[in-house]
Each structure stands twice: as structure tokens, then as C-alpha cells.
Amino acid sequence: MYHRDKRPLGAVAESAYEVLLEVTEPDEAIPRDKAHTQLLDTDFTDKDAEYALDRLLSRGYLYAVDEGLFVTDSDDYESWGEDS
């Protein structure tokens, strides 16, 4: 099982995570380019959007399957920490 990195995520990535939680349906993939566009539509710069997506992937807030990204719900993370 993957455990979320406990280090601070950072303001840019945290804001991106909140945006992606709002614009995606649970258990439905969003293509990376669409996720990037969603962030651009909410006033992220191109570099900040790329940085945030990479950061969220590396920290386990997003996970990739084939060409799609899935957002891991924050409630899932809270329950993961209880088993450790």
C-alpha cells in the first residue's frame, strides 16, 4: 500500500489538488492535458500547472493509469494513516 508523503505539499500543489477534486468525479480518470487545462482555466500559469501535476503525482495525491489521472480523495488518505 502506498502511504502519502507527510511533508508539506506547498501552496501551488495544494490549490491544484483542490481544483482537481472539484472538477473530477470520484473513480473517473481525467486526461493529463485536460487536468492541465482545468488548472489554466483557474488562473494557474503553465509552469505552475505542470509543477503542481508533477508534485501531486509524486506525492500520491494523483495516480496515473494508462493515459488518465485519478484524484485520490483526501478522506482516503485519512483512513490510510490509521493503519500505520
PDB file of N, CA and C in Angstrom:
ATOM      1  N   MET A   1       0.839  -1.168   0.000  1.00  0.00           N
ATOM      2  CA  MET A   1       0.000   0.000   0.000  1.00  0.00           C
ATOM      3  C   MET A   1       0.893   1.243   0.000  1.00  0.00           C
ATOM      4  N   TYR A   2       0.506   2.241  -0.752  1.00  0.00           N
ATOM      5  CA  TYR A   2       1.247   3.490  -0.822  1.00  0.00           C
ATOM      6  C   TYR A   2       0.796   4.396   0.316  1.00  0.00           C
ATOM      7  N   HIS A   3       1.738   4.980   0.989  1.00  0.00           N
ATOM      8  CA  HIS A   3       1.420   5.936   2.049  1.00  0.00           C
ATOM      9  C   HIS A   3       1.781   7.334   1.581  1.00  0.00           C
ATOM     10  N   ARG A   4       0.917   8.257   1.870  1.00  0.00           N
ATOM     11  CA  ARG A   4       1.131   9.645   1.463  1.00  0.00           C
ATOM     12  C   ARG A   4       2.340  10.222   2.168  1.00  0.00           C
ATOM     13  N   ASP A   5       3.084  10.981   1.424  1.00  0.00           N
ATOM     14  CA  ASP A   5       4.235  11.690   1.946  1.00  0.00           C
ATOM     15  C   ASP A   5       3.737  12.721   2.956  1.00  0.00           C
ATOM     16  N   LYS A   6       4.300  12.739   4.136  1.00  0.00           N
ATOM     17  CA  LYS A   6       3.836  13.628   5.207  1.00  0.00           C
ATOM     18  C   LYS A   6       4.419  15.039   5.125  1.00  0.00           C
ATOM     19  N   ARG A   7       5.394  15.263   4.235  1.00  0.00           N
ATOM     20  CA  ARG A   7       5.961  16.610   4.103  1.00  0.00           C
ATOM     21  C   ARG A   7       4.904  17.561   3.542  1.00  0.00           C
ATOM     22  N   PRO A   8       5.027  18.855   3.829  1.00  0.00           N
ATOM     23  CA  PRO A   8       4.071  19.816   3.276  1.00  0.00           C
ATOM     24  C   PRO A   8       4.045  19.759   1.752  1.00  0.00           C
ATOM     25  N   LEU A   9       2.858  19.861   1.207  1.00  0.00           N
ATOM     26  CA  LEU A   9       2.672  19.778  -0.236  1.00  0.00           C
ATOM     27  C   LEU A   9       3.060  21.083  -0.928  1.00  0.00           C
ATOM     28  N   GLY A  10       2.814  22.196  -0.303  1.00  0.00           N
ATOM     29  CA  GLY A  10       3.078  23.502  -0.906  1.00  0.00           C
ATOM     30  C   GLY A  10       1.784  24.118  -1.412  1.00  0.00           C
ATOM     31  N   ALA A  11       1.739  25.421  -1.407  1.00  0.00           N
ATOM     32  CA  ALA A  11       0.505  26.153  -1.728  1.00  0.00           C
ATOM     33  C   ALA A  11       0.023  25.918  -3.152  1.00  0.00           C
ATOM     34  N   VAL A  12       0.936  25.911  -4.115  1.00  0.00           N
ATOM     35  CA  VAL A  12       0.537  25.750  -5.520  1.00  0.00           C
ATOM     36  C   VAL A  12      -0.075  24.372  -5.733  1.00  0.00           C
ATOM     37  N   ALA A  13       0.604  23.337  -5.277  1.00  0.00           N
ATOM     38  CA  ALA A  13       0.104  21.978  -5.471  1.00  0.00           C
ATOM     39  C   ALA A  13      -1.176  21.747  -4.670  1.00  0.00           C
ATOM     40  N   GLU A  14      -1.239  22.304  -3.477  1.00  0.00           N
ATOM     41  CA  GLU A  14      -2.448  22.153  -2.663  1.00  0.00           C
ATOM     42  C   GLU A  14      -3.650  22.807  -3.335  1.00  0.00           C
ATOM     43  N   SER A  15      -3.465  23.979  -3.895  1.00  0.00           N
ATOM     44  CA  SER A  15      -4.542  24.655  -4.620  1.00  0.00           C
ATOM     45  C   SER A  15      -4.968  23.845  -5.839  1.00  0.00           C
ATOM     46  N   ALA A  16      -4.003  23.288  -6.541  1.00  0.00           N
ATOM     47  CA  ALA A  16      -4.308  22.466  -7.718  1.00  0.00           C
ATOM     48  C   ALA A  16      -5.096  21.233  -7.315  1.00  0.00           C
ATOM     49  N   TYR A  17      -4.709  20.614  -6.219  1.00  0.00           N
ATOM     50  CA  TYR A  17      -5.423  19.445  -5.714  1.00  0.00           C
ATOM     51  C   TYR A  17      -6.889  19.785  -5.437  1.00  0.00           C
ATOM     52  N   GLU A  18      -7.123  20.919  -4.803  1.00  0.00           N
ATOM     53  CA  GLU A  18      -8.491  21.338  -4.502  1.00  0.00           C
ATOM     54  C   GLU A  18      -9.293  21.559  -5.780  1.00  0.00           C
ATOM     55  N   VAL A  19      -8.679  22.170  -6.790  1.00  0.00           N
ATOM     56  CA  VAL A  19      -9.350  22.380  -8.069  1.00  0.00           C
ATOM     57  C   VAL A  19      -9.704  21.038  -8.693  1.00  0.00           C
ATOM     58  N   LEU A  20      -8.751  20.127  -8.716  1.00  0.00           N
ATOM     59  CA  LEU A  20      -8.987  18.836  -9.359  1.00  0.00           C
ATOM     60  C   LEU A  20     -10.031  18.012  -8.612  1.00  0.00           C
ATOM     61  N   LEU A  21     -10.084  18.137  -7.296  1.00  0.00           N
ATOM     62  CA  LEU A  21     -11.149  17.460  -6.536  1.00  0.00           C
ATOM     63  C   LEU A  21     -12.524  17.963  -6.960  1.00  0.00           C
ATOM     64  N   GLU A  22     -12.616  19.255  -7.239  1.00  0.00           N
ATOM     65  CA  GLU A  22     -13.899  19.850  -7.615  1.00  0.00           C
ATOM     66  C   GLU A  22     -14.332  19.493  -9.031  1.00  0.00           C
ATOM     67  N   VAL A  23     -13.389  19.352  -9.947  1.00  0.00           N
ATOM     68  CA  VAL A  23     -13.749  19.176 -11.359  1.00  0.00           C
ATOM     69  C   VAL A  23     -13.747  17.724 -11.826  1.00  0.00           C
ATOM     70  N   THR A  24     -13.384  16.800 -10.962  1.00  0.00           N
ATOM     71  CA  THR A  24     -13.382  15.389 -11.362  1.00  0.00           C
ATOM     72  C   THR A  24     -14.387  14.606 -10.542  1.00  0.00           C
ATOM     73  N   GLU A  25     -14.886  13.565 -11.154  1.00  0.00           N
ATOM     74  CA  GLU A  25     -15.789  12.651 -10.468  1.00  0.00           C
ATOM     75  C   GLU A  25     -14.952  11.575  -9.783  1.00  0.00           C
ATOM     76  N   PRO A  26     -15.367  11.137  -8.606  1.00  0.00           N
ATOM     77  CA  PRO A  26     -14.632  10.053  -7.946  1.00  0.00           C
ATOM     78  C   PRO A  26     -14.563   8.824  -8.851  1.00  0.00           C
ATOM     79  N   ASP A  27     -13.435   8.186  -8.865  1.00  0.00           N
ATOM     80  CA  ASP A  27     -13.211   6.954  -9.628  1.00  0.00           C
ATOM     81  C   ASP A  27     -13.293   7.134 -11.141  1.00  0.00           C
ATOM     82  N   GLU A  28     -13.223   8.372 -11.628  1.00  0.00           N
ATOM     83  CA  GLU A  28     -13.175   8.614 -13.067  1.00  0.00           C
ATOM     84  C   GLU A  28     -11.862   9.291 -13.412  1.00  0.00           C
ATOM     85  N   ALA A  29     -11.232   8.809 -14.472  1.00  0.00           N
ATOM     86  CA  ALA A  29      -9.957   9.370 -14.904  1.00  0.00           C
ATOM     87  C   ALA A  29     -10.175  10.688 -15.642  1.00  0.00           C
ATOM     88  N   ILE A  30      -9.177  11.538 -15.553  1.00  0.00           N
ATOM     89  CA  ILE A  30      -9.145  12.769 -16.328  1.00  0.00           C
ATOM     90  C   ILE A  30      -7.816  12.746 -17.094  1.00  0.00           C
ATOM     91  N   PRO A  31      -7.847  12.970 -18.395  1.00  0.00           N
ATOM     92  CA  PRO A  31      -6.578  13.012 -19.127  1.00  0.00           C
ATOM     93  C   PRO A  31      -5.689  14.127 -18.582  1.00  0.00           C
ATOM     94  N   ARG A  32      -4.381  13.896 -18.593  1.00  0.00           N
ATOM     95  CA  ARG A  32      -3.461  14.893 -18.043  1.00  0.00           C
ATOM     96  C   ARG A  32      -3.626  16.246 -18.726  1.00  0.00           C
ATOM     97  N   ASP A  33      -3.799  16.249 -20.050  1.00  0.00           N
ATOM     98  CA  ASP A  33      -3.937  17.532 -20.735  1.00  0.00           C
ATOM     99  C   ASP A  33      -5.206  18.267 -20.309  1.00  0.00           C
ATOM    100  N   LYS A  34      -6.270  17.518 -19.997  1.00  0.00           N
ATOM    101  CA  LYS A  34      -7.494  18.164 -19.516  1.00  0.00           C
ATOM    102  C   LYS A  34      -7.293  18.692 -18.094  1.00  0.00           C
ATOM    103  N   ALA A  35      -6.591  17.941 -17.266  1.00  0.00           N
ATOM    104  CA  ALA A  35      -6.288  18.416 -15.912  1.00  0.00           C
ATOM    105  C   ALA A  35      -5.469  19.703 -15.991  1.00  0.00           C
ATOM    106  N   HIS A  36      -4.502  19.712 -16.886  1.00  0.00           N
ATOM    107  CA  HIS A  36      -3.664  20.900 -17.093  1.00  0.00           C
ATOM    108  C   HIS A  36      -4.531  22.081 -17.525  1.00  0.00           C
ATOM    109  N   THR A  37      -5.437  21.844 -18.469  1.00  0.00           N
ATOM    110  CA  THR A  37      -6.329  22.902 -18.950  1.00  0.00           C
ATOM    111  C   THR A  37      -7.236  23.409 -17.832  1.00  0.00           C
ATOM    112  N   GLN A  38      -7.735  22.500 -17.004  1.00  0.00           N
ATOM    113  CA  GLN A  38      -8.579  22.912 -15.875  1.00  0.00           C
ATOM    114  C   GLN A  38      -7.815  23.865 -14.949  1.00  0.00           C
ATOM    115  N   LEU A  39      -6.556  23.562 -14.716  1.00  0.00           N
ATOM    116  CA  LEU A  39      -5.747  24.438 -13.868  1.00  0.00           C
ATOM    117  C   LEU A  39      -5.497  25.783 -14.535  1.00  0.00           C
ATOM    118  N   LEU A  40      -5.223  25.772 -15.831  1.00  0.00           N
ATOM    119  CA  LEU A  40      -5.033  27.033 -16.557  1.00  0.00           C
ATOM    120  C   LEU A  40      -6.296  27.887 -16.503  1.00  0.00           C
ATOM    121  N   ASP A  41      -7.459  27.217 -16.576  1.00  0.00           N
ATOM    122  CA  ASP A  41      -8.736  27.934 -16.531  1.00  0.00           C
ATOM    123  C   ASP A  41      -9.002  28.574 -15.169  1.00  0.00           C
ATOM    124  N   THR A  42      -8.284  28.141 -14.154  1.00  0.00           N
ATOM    125  CA  THR A  42      -8.460  28.729 -12.812  1.00  0.00           C
ATOM    126  C   THR A  42      -7.260  29.588 -12.437  1.00  0.00           C
ATOM    127  N   ASP A  43      -6.628  30.170 -13.453  1.00  0.00           N
ATOM    128  CA  ASP A  43      -5.573  31.169 -13.287  1.00  0.00           C
ATOM    129  C   ASP A  43      -4.206  30.648 -12.864  1.00  0.00           C
ATOM    130  N   PHE A  44      -3.941  29.342 -13.050  1.00  0.00           N
ATOM    131  CA  PHE A  44      -2.581  28.836 -12.867  1.00  0.00           C
ATOM    132  C   PHE A  44      -1.780  29.201 -14.107  1.00  0.00           C
ATOM    133  N   THR A  45      -0.505  29.466 -13.941  1.00  0.00           N
ATOM    134  CA  THR A  45       0.358  29.643 -15.102  1.00  0.00           C
ATOM    135  C   THR A  45       0.668  28.259 -15.657  1.00  0.00           C
ATOM    136  N   ASP A  46       1.187  28.216 -16.868  1.00  0.00           N
ATOM    137  CA  ASP A  46       1.535  26.941 -17.483  1.00  0.00           C
ATOM    138  C   ASP A  46       2.564  26.194 -16.629  1.00  0.00           C
ATOM    139  N   LYS A  47       3.594  26.898 -16.191  1.00  0.00           N
ATOM    140  CA  LYS A  47       4.637  26.268 -15.371  1.00  0.00           C
ATOM    141  C   LYS A  47       4.100  25.804 -14.018  1.00  0.00           C
ATOM    142  N   ASP A  48       3.249  26.604 -13.397  1.00  0.00           N
ATOM    143  CA  ASP A  48       2.673  26.208 -12.111  1.00  0.00           C
ATOM    144  C   ASP A  48       1.771  24.983 -12.261  1.00  0.00           C
ATOM    145  N   ALA A  49       1.007  24.919 -13.339  1.00  0.00           N
ATOM    146  CA  ALA A  49       0.137  23.765 -13.579  1.00  0.00           C
ATOM    147  C   ALA A  49       0.970  22.494 -13.756  1.00  0.00           C
ATOM    148  N   GLU A  50       2.028  22.574 -14.550  1.00  0.00           N
ATOM    149  CA  GLU A  50       2.907  21.415 -14.746  1.00  0.00           C
ATOM    150  C   GLU A  50       3.565  21.004 -13.438  1.00  0.00           C
ATOM    151  N   TYR A  51       4.072  21.978 -12.709  1.00  0.00           N
ATOM    152  CA  TYR A  51       4.709  21.705 -11.424  1.00  0.00           C
ATOM    153  C   TYR A  51       3.724  21.019 -10.476  1.00  0.00           C
ATOM    154  N   ALA A  52       2.516  21.567 -10.384  1.00  0.00           N
ATOM    155  CA  ALA A  52       1.522  21.027  -9.463  1.00  0.00           C
ATOM    156  C   ALA A  52       1.151  19.594  -9.830  1.00  0.00           C
ATOM    157  N   LEU A  53       0.934  19.323 -11.105  1.00  0.00           N
ATOM    158  CA  LEU A  53       0.592  17.961 -11.515  1.00  0.00           C
ATOM    159  C   LEU A  53       1.725  16.988 -11.184  1.00  0.00           C
ATOM    160  N   ASP A  54       2.938  17.383 -11.470  1.00  0.00           N
ATOM    161  CA  ASP A  54       4.088  16.521 -11.148  1.00  0.00           C
ATOM    162  C   ASP A  54       4.198  16.290  -9.647  1.00  0.00           C
ATOM    163  N   ARG A  55       4.013  17.339  -8.880  1.00  0.00           N
ATOM    164  CA  ARG A  55       4.112  17.243  -7.418  1.00  0.00           C
ATOM    165  C   ARG A  55       3.011  16.344  -6.855  1.00  0.00           C
ATOM    166  N   LEU A  56       1.784  16.521  -7.360  1.00  0.00           N
ATOM    167  CA  LEU A  56       0.665  15.705  -6.888  1.00  0.00           C
ATOM    168  C   LEU A  56       0.868  14.234  -7.240  1.00  0.00           C
ATOM    169  N   LEU A  57       1.413  13.973  -8.408  1.00  0.00           N
ATOM    170  CA  LEU A  57       1.710  12.585  -8.795  1.00  0.00           C
ATOM    171  C   LEU A  57       2.803  11.982  -7.918  1.00  0.00           C
ATOM    172  N   SER A  58       3.848  12.746  -7.668  1.00  0.00           N
ATOM    173  CA  SER A  58       4.966  12.209  -6.900  1.00  0.00           C
ATOM    174  C   SER A  58       4.612  11.997  -5.428  1.00  0.00           C
ATOM    175  N   ARG A  59       3.635  12.719  -4.935  1.00  0.00           N
ATOM    176  CA  ARG A  59       3.249  12.619  -3.524  1.00  0.00           C
ATOM    177  C   ARG A  59       2.048  11.705  -3.298  1.00  0.00           C
ATOM    178  N   GLY A  60       1.442  11.187  -4.376  1.00  0.00           N
ATOM    179  CA  GLY A  60       0.334  10.252  -4.225  1.00  0.00           C
ATOM    180  C   GLY A  60      -1.050  10.875  -4.156  1.00  0.00           C
ATOM    181  N   TYR A  61      -1.149  12.169  -4.391  1.00  0.00           N
ATOM    182  CA  TYR A  61      -2.458  12.813  -4.413  1.00  0.00           C
ATOM    183  C   TYR A  61      -3.176  12.531  -5.724  1.00  0.00           C
ATOM    184  N   LEU A  62      -2.397  12.258  -6.757  1.00  0.00           N
ATOM    185  CA  LEU A  62      -2.903  11.794  -8.050  1.00  0.00           C
ATOM    186  C   LEU A  62      -2.203  10.485  -8.345  1.00  0.00           C
ATOM    187  N   TYR A  63      -2.857   9.636  -9.112  1.00  0.00           N
ATOM    188  CA  TYR A  63      -2.164   8.470  -9.641  1.00  0.00           C
ATOM    189  C   TYR A  63      -2.577   8.287 -11.089  1.00  0.00           C
ATOM    190  N   ALA A  64      -1.667   7.746 -11.865  1.00  0.00           N
ATOM    191  CA  ALA A  64      -1.865   7.604 -13.302  1.00  0.00           C
ATOM    192  C   ALA A  64      -2.122   6.145 -13.660  1.00  0.00           C
ATOM    193  N   VAL A  65      -3.113   5.949 -14.515  1.00  0.00           N
ATOM    194  CA  VAL A  65      -3.396   4.648 -15.089  1.00  0.00           C
ATOM    195  C   VAL A  65      -3.586   4.883 -16.576  1.00  0.00           C
ATOM    196  N   ASP A  66      -2.736   4.224 -17.368  1.00  0.00           N
ATOM    197  CA  ASP A  66      -2.725   4.434 -18.808  1.00  0.00           C
ATOM    198  C   ASP A  66      -2.562   5.934 -19.081  1.00  0.00           C
ATOM    199  N   GLU A  67      -3.508   6.529 -19.770  1.00  0.00           N
ATOM    200  CA  GLU A  67      -3.407   7.953 -20.115  1.00  0.00           C
ATOM    201  C   GLU A  67      -4.198   8.850 -19.164  1.00  0.00           C
ATOM    202  N   GLY A  68      -4.810   8.267 -18.141  1.00  0.00           N
ATOM    203  CA  GLY A  68      -5.665   9.050 -17.262  1.00  0.00           C
ATOM    204  C   GLY A  68      -5.080   9.264 -15.883  1.00  0.00           C
ATOM    205  N   LEU A  69      -5.492  10.358 -15.270  1.00  0.00           N
ATOM    206  CA  LEU A  69      -5.125  10.669 -13.894  1.00  0.00           C
ATOM    207  C   LEU A  69      -6.352  10.494 -13.016  1.00  0.00           C
ATOM    208  N   PHE A  70      -6.138   9.935 -11.852  1.00  0.00           N
ATOM    209  CA  PHE A  70      -7.187   9.787 -10.861  1.00  0.00           C
ATOM    210  C   PHE A  70      -6.801  10.611  -9.641  1.00  0.00           C
ATOM    211  N   VAL A  71      -7.769  11.297  -9.062  1.00  0.00           N
ATOM    212  CA  VAL A  71      -7.535  12.083  -7.857  1.00  0.00           C
ATOM    213  C   VAL A  71      -7.861  11.186  -6.671  1.00  0.00           C
ATOM    214  N   THR A  72      -6.917  11.078  -5.758  1.00  0.00           N
ATOM    215  CA  THR A  72      -7.152  10.310  -4.547  1.00  0.00           C
ATOM    216  C   THR A  72      -7.832  11.230  -3.549  1.00  0.00           C
ATOM    217  N   ASP A  73      -9.011  10.853  -3.133  1.00  0.00           N
ATOM    218  CA  ASP A  73      -9.798  11.681  -2.219  1.00  0.00           C
ATOM    219  C   ASP A  73      -9.079  11.825  -0.886  1.00  0.00           C
ATOM    220  N   SER A  74      -9.123  13.007  -0.320  1.00  0.00           N
ATOM    221  CA  SER A  74      -8.438  13.269   0.947  1.00  0.00           C
ATOM    222  C   SER A  74      -8.970  12.391   2.069  1.00  0.00           C
ATOM    223  N   ASP A  75     -10.220  11.985   2.020  1.00  0.00           N
ATOM    224  CA  ASP A  75     -10.775  11.088   3.040  1.00  0.00           C
ATOM    225  C   ASP A  75     -10.073   9.739   3.014  1.00  0.00           C
ATOM    226  N   ASP A  76      -9.674   9.283   1.820  1.00  0.00           N
ATOM    227  CA  ASP A  76      -8.941   8.030   1.703  1.00  0.00           C
ATOM    228  C   ASP A  76      -7.616   8.128   2.439  1.00  0.00           C
ATOM    229  N   TYR A  77      -6.943   9.253   2.340  1.00  0.00           N
ATOM    230  CA  TYR A  77      -5.663   9.425   2.999  1.00  0.00           C
ATOM    231  C   TYR A  77      -5.796   9.379   4.504  1.00  0.00           C
ATOM    232  N   GLU A  78      -6.837   9.985   5.021  1.00  0.00           N
ATOM    233  CA  GLU A  78      -7.010   9.992   6.460  1.00  0.00           C
ATOM    234  C   GLU A  78      -7.155   8.571   6.995  1.00  0.00           C
ATOM    235  N   SER A  79      -7.878   7.718   6.276  1.00  0.00           N
ATOM    236  CA  SER A  79      -8.052   6.349   6.745  1.00  0.00           C
ATOM    237  C   SER A  79      -6.770   5.533   6.569  1.00  0.00           C
ATOM    238  N   TRP A  80      -5.932   5.875   5.580  1.00  0.00           N
ATOM    239  CA  TRP A  80      -4.669   5.154   5.381  1.00  0.00           C
ATOM    240  C   TRP A  80      -3.771   5.323   6.591  1.00  0.00           C
ATOM    241  N   GLY A  81      -3.713   6.527   7.121  1.00  0.00           N
ATOM    242  CA  GLY A  81      -2.833   6.794   8.241  1.00  0.00           C
ATOM    243  C   GLY A  81      -3.219   6.033   9.500  1.00  0.00           C
ATOM    244  N   GLU A  82      -4.463   5.613   9.594  1.00  0.00           N
ATOM    245  CA  GLU A  82      -4.919   4.899  10.774  1.00  0.00           C
ATOM    246  C   GLU A  82      -4.355   3.493  10.858  1.00  0.00           C
ATOM    247  N   ASP A  83      -4.006   2.882   9.706  1.00  0.00           N
ATOM    248  CA  ASP A  83      -3.497   1.519   9.680  1.00  0.00           C
ATOM    249  C   ASP A  83      -2.007   1.442  10.001  1.00  0.00           C
ATOM    250  N   SER A  84      -1.311   2.569   9.951  1.00  0.00           N
ATOM    251  CA  SER A  84       0.150   2.565  10.109  1.00  0.00           C
ATOM    252  C   SER A  84       0.547   2.686  11.548  1.00  0.00           C
TER     253      SER A  84
END
